[in-house]
Amino acid sequence: MKMKKIVLDIHSAIHAHNMERMLMQELDDCRVFVSESTDSTAEWCETHKPDVLLMEVKAFSPWMFSERMAIRDRIKQSLADCRIILFVDDESDNDLTESVRQAKRSGLIDAFLFGSVSENYFASVIDSV
């Protein structure tokens, strides 16, 4: 089985490293890279060629939905098979949550996760895409 490579682009570095640790514990044969900044996410993907890119979406820059979709577009040009997952706090912004849902319905992203899901479910979704 091929090792799954995952790039995380999460607002909080502490949260990103907690996610990294959780994924490494929950998934076999997985390598996780935490992007240093939203500005470097596309370069991280070009360097590490991940199977999955998980990006957090917020209501403010540089984590806004439109900015995330621009990164998605850039990644898909060079890594068409990279699966895109958006991570959103479903309790903070209904419009943002609906934009993420619509992106999934439209086929622009492969999956989305809410901040309220369990660690086991979180890892299972990432493993399944």
C-alpha atoms as a PDB file:
ATOM      1  CA  MET A   1       0.000   0.000   0.000  1.00  0.00           C
ATOM      2  CA  LYS A   2       1.269   3.445  -0.936  1.00  0.00           C
ATOM      3  CA  MET A   3       1.914   5.931   1.851  1.00  0.00           C
ATOM      4  CA  LYS A   4      -0.743   8.670   1.824  1.00  0.00           C
ATOM      5  CA  LYS A   5       0.690  12.197   1.920  1.00  0.00           C
ATOM      6  CA  ILE A   6      -1.401  14.965   3.461  1.00  0.00           C
ATOM      7  CA  VAL A   7      -0.775  18.720   3.558  1.00  0.00           C
ATOM      8  CA  LEU A   8      -2.561  20.676   6.292  1.00  0.00           C
ATOM      9  CA  ASP A   9      -3.221  24.411   6.010  1.00  0.00           C
ATOM     10  CA  ILE A  10      -4.851  25.320   9.321  1.00  0.00           C
ATOM     11  CA  HIS A  11      -5.229  28.775  10.910  1.00  0.00           C
ATOM     12  CA  SER A  12      -3.787  27.825  14.316  1.00  0.00           C
ATOM     13  CA  ALA A  13      -0.343  26.207  14.322  1.00  0.00           C
ATOM     14  CA  ILE A  14      -1.199  24.447  17.591  1.00  0.00           C
ATOM     15  CA  HIS A  15      -4.399  23.037  16.070  1.00  0.00           C
ATOM     16  CA  ALA A  16      -2.508  22.000  12.920  1.00  0.00           C
ATOM     17  CA  HIS A  17       0.092  20.088  14.916  1.00  0.00           C
ATOM     18  CA  ASN A  18      -2.624  18.437  17.026  1.00  0.00           C
ATOM     19  CA  MET A  19      -4.317  17.340  13.776  1.00  0.00           C
ATOM     20  CA  GLU A  20      -0.986  16.084  12.461  1.00  0.00           C
ATOM     21  CA  ARG A  21      -0.393  14.029  15.607  1.00  0.00           C
ATOM     22  CA  MET A  22      -3.948  12.640  15.554  1.00  0.00           C
ATOM     23  CA  LEU A  23      -3.708  11.639  11.870  1.00  0.00           C
ATOM     24  CA  MET A  24      -0.360   9.931  12.422  1.00  0.00           C
ATOM     25  CA  GLN A  25      -1.899   7.919  15.265  1.00  0.00           C
ATOM     26  CA  GLU A  26      -5.160   7.056  13.483  1.00  0.00           C
ATOM     27  CA  LEU A  27      -3.933   6.288   9.957  1.00  0.00           C
ATOM     28  CA  ASP A  28      -1.441   3.654   8.864  1.00  0.00           C
ATOM     29  CA  ASP A  29       1.130   4.653   6.246  1.00  0.00           C
ATOM     30  CA  CYS A  30       0.478   8.384   6.327  1.00  0.00           C
ATOM     31  CA  ARG A  31       2.858  11.332   6.122  1.00  0.00           C
ATOM     32  CA  VAL A  32       1.577  14.743   7.205  1.00  0.00           C
ATOM     33  CA  PHE A  33       3.081  18.094   6.260  1.00  0.00           C
ATOM     34  CA  VAL A  34       1.931  21.303   7.955  1.00  0.00           C
ATOM     35  CA  SER A  35       2.076  24.339   5.677  1.00  0.00           C
ATOM     36  CA  GLU A  36       4.034  27.190   7.205  1.00  0.00           C
ATOM     37  CA  SER A  37       1.620  29.815   5.849  1.00  0.00           C
ATOM     38  CA  THR A  38      -1.262  30.132   3.427  1.00  0.00           C
ATOM     39  CA  ASP A  39       1.141  31.874   1.043  1.00  0.00           C
ATOM     40  CA  SER A  40       3.306  28.752   0.869  1.00  0.00           C
ATOM     41  CA  THR A  41       0.576  26.074   0.657  1.00  0.00           C
ATOM     42  CA  ALA A  42       0.691  25.728  -3.122  1.00  0.00           C
ATOM     43  CA  GLU A  43       4.493  25.452  -3.034  1.00  0.00           C
ATOM     44  CA  TRP A  44       4.296  22.828  -0.258  1.00  0.00           C
ATOM     45  CA  CYS A  45       1.932  20.849  -2.461  1.00  0.00           C
ATOM     46  CA  GLU A  46       4.176  21.167  -5.497  1.00  0.00           C
ATOM     47  CA  THR A  47       7.139  19.981  -3.404  1.00  0.00           C
ATOM     48  CA  HIS A  48       5.490  17.143  -1.458  1.00  0.00           C
ATOM     49  CA  LYS A  49       2.866  16.064  -4.054  1.00  0.00           C
ATOM     50  CA  PRO A  50       0.180  15.179  -1.488  1.00  0.00           C
ATOM     51  CA  ASP A  51      -2.753  12.880  -2.030  1.00  0.00           C
ATOM     52  CA  VAL A  52      -4.870  15.165   0.153  1.00  0.00           C
ATOM     53  CA  LEU A  53      -4.851  18.900   0.876  1.00  0.00           C
ATOM     54  CA  LEU A  54      -6.874  19.903   3.933  1.00  0.00           C
ATOM     55  CA  MET A  55      -7.493  23.640   4.232  1.00  0.00           C
ATOM     56  CA  GLU A  56      -9.342  25.437   6.988  1.00  0.00           C
ATOM     57  CA  VAL A  57     -11.847  28.061   5.851  1.00  0.00           C
ATOM     58  CA  LYS A  58     -12.596  31.153   7.932  1.00  0.00           C
ATOM     59  CA  ALA A  59     -14.568  34.348   7.461  1.00  0.00           C
ATOM     60  CA  PHE A  60     -11.379  36.446   7.300  1.00  0.00           C
ATOM     61  CA  SER A  61      -8.311  36.695   5.096  1.00  0.00           C
ATOM     62  CA  PRO A  62      -6.195  34.762   4.181  1.00  0.00           C
ATOM     63  CA  TRP A  63      -8.468  31.822   5.060  1.00  0.00           C
ATOM     64  CA  MET A  64     -11.568  33.081   3.232  1.00  0.00           C
ATOM     65  CA  PHE A  65     -13.494  30.717   0.965  1.00  0.00           C
ATOM     66  CA  SER A  66     -12.542  32.606  -2.215  1.00  0.00           C
ATOM     67  CA  GLU A  67      -8.851  32.522  -1.270  1.00  0.00           C
ATOM     68  CA  ARG A  68      -9.054  28.801  -0.548  1.00  0.00           C
ATOM     69  CA  MET A  69     -10.696  28.160  -3.889  1.00  0.00           C
ATOM     70  CA  ALA A  70      -7.906  30.102  -5.626  1.00  0.00           C
ATOM     71  CA  ILE A  71      -5.340  27.796  -3.947  1.00  0.00           C
ATOM     72  CA  ARG A  72      -7.481  24.809  -4.982  1.00  0.00           C
ATOM     73  CA  ASP A  73      -7.462  26.002  -8.600  1.00  0.00           C
ATOM     74  CA  ARG A  74      -3.678  26.387  -8.578  1.00  0.00           C
ATOM     75  CA  ILE A  75      -3.154  22.927  -7.022  1.00  0.00           C
ATOM     76  CA  LYS A  76      -5.480  21.230  -9.510  1.00  0.00           C
ATOM     77  CA  GLN A  77      -3.441  22.645 -12.437  1.00  0.00           C
ATOM     78  CA  SER A  78      -0.320  20.746 -11.400  1.00  0.00           C
ATOM     79  CA  LEU A  79      -1.757  17.970  -9.193  1.00  0.00           C
ATOM     80  CA  ALA A  80      -5.092  17.011 -10.704  1.00  0.00           C
ATOM     81  CA  ASP A  81      -5.410  13.899  -8.518  1.00  0.00           C
ATOM     82  CA  CYS A  82      -4.883  15.745  -5.223  1.00  0.00           C
ATOM     83  CA  ARG A  83      -8.060  15.483  -3.147  1.00  0.00           C
ATOM     84  CA  ILE A  84      -9.250  18.753  -1.634  1.00  0.00           C
ATOM     85  CA  ILE A  85     -10.953  18.812   1.762  1.00  0.00           C
ATOM     86  CA  LEU A  86     -12.182  21.990   3.413  1.00  0.00           C
ATOM     87  CA  PHE A  87     -12.423  22.243   7.188  1.00  0.00           C
ATOM     88  CA  VAL A  88     -14.937  24.717   8.607  1.00  0.00           C
ATOM     89  CA  ASP A  89     -16.345  25.587  12.025  1.00  0.00           C
ATOM     90  CA  ASP A  90     -20.000  24.791  11.379  1.00  0.00           C
ATOM     91  CA  GLU A  91     -21.170  26.778  14.382  1.00  0.00           C
ATOM     92  CA  SER A  92     -19.703  30.165  13.501  1.00  0.00           C
ATOM     93  CA  ASP A  93     -20.871  31.257  10.054  1.00  0.00           C
ATOM     94  CA  ASN A  94     -23.885  29.794   8.245  1.00  0.00           C
ATOM     95  CA  ASP A  95     -23.082  31.521   4.917  1.00  0.00           C
ATOM     96  CA  LEU A  96     -19.533  30.192   4.961  1.00  0.00           C
ATOM     97  CA  THR A  97     -20.750  26.700   5.797  1.00  0.00           C
ATOM     98  CA  GLU A  98     -23.234  26.863   2.930  1.00  0.00           C
ATOM     99  CA  SER A  99     -20.501  27.996   0.492  1.00  0.00           C
ATOM    100  CA  VAL A 100     -18.421  24.976   1.494  1.00  0.00           C
ATOM    101  CA  ARG A 101     -21.393  22.636   1.078  1.00  0.00           C
ATOM    102  CA  GLN A 102     -22.123  24.109  -2.352  1.00  0.00           C
ATOM    103  CA  ALA A 103     -18.494  23.595  -3.405  1.00  0.00           C
ATOM    104  CA  LYS A 104     -18.894  19.902  -2.590  1.00  0.00           C
ATOM    105  CA  ARG A 105     -22.214  19.679  -4.446  1.00  0.00           C
ATOM    106  CA  SER A 106     -20.572  21.330  -7.467  1.00  0.00           C
ATOM    107  CA  GLY A 107     -17.639  18.923  -7.439  1.00  0.00           C
ATOM    108  CA  LEU A 108     -15.052  21.612  -6.682  1.00  0.00           C
ATOM    109  CA  ILE A 109     -13.899  19.854  -3.511  1.00  0.00           C
ATOM    110  CA  ASP A 110     -13.829  16.190  -2.582  1.00  0.00           C
ATOM    111  CA  ALA A 111     -15.112  16.507   0.984  1.00  0.00           C
ATOM    112  CA  PHE A 112     -15.636  18.886   3.864  1.00  0.00           C
ATOM    113  CA  LEU A 113     -15.333  18.455   7.594  1.00  0.00           C
ATOM    114  CA  PHE A 114     -16.908  20.374  10.423  1.00  0.00           C
ATOM    115  CA  GLY A 115     -14.940  21.335  13.497  1.00  0.00           C
ATOM    116  CA  SER A 116     -17.471  19.471  15.608  1.00  0.00           C
ATOM    117  CA  VAL A 117     -16.709  15.961  14.247  1.00  0.00           C
ATOM    118  CA  SER A 118     -14.900  13.331  16.294  1.00  0.00           C
ATOM    119  CA  GLU A 119     -11.217  12.573  15.690  1.00  0.00           C
ATOM    120  CA  ASN A 120     -12.069   9.075  14.483  1.00  0.00           C
ATOM    121  CA  TYR A 121     -14.558  10.382  11.903  1.00  0.00           C
ATOM    122  CA  PHE A 122     -12.120  13.115  10.877  1.00  0.00           C
ATOM    123  CA  ALA A 123      -9.357  10.587  10.188  1.00  0.00           C
ATOM    124  CA  SER A 124     -11.781   8.221   8.443  1.00  0.00           C
ATOM    125  CA  VAL A 125     -12.894  10.883   5.978  1.00  0.00           C
ATOM    126  CA  ILE A 126      -9.330  11.832   5.132  1.00  0.00           C
ATOM    127  CA  ASP A 127      -8.415   8.179   4.700  1.00  0.00           C
ATOM    128  CA  SER A 128     -11.417   7.537   2.447  1.00  0.00           C
ATOM    129  CA  VAL A 129     -10.792  10.192  -0.205  1.00  0.00           C
END
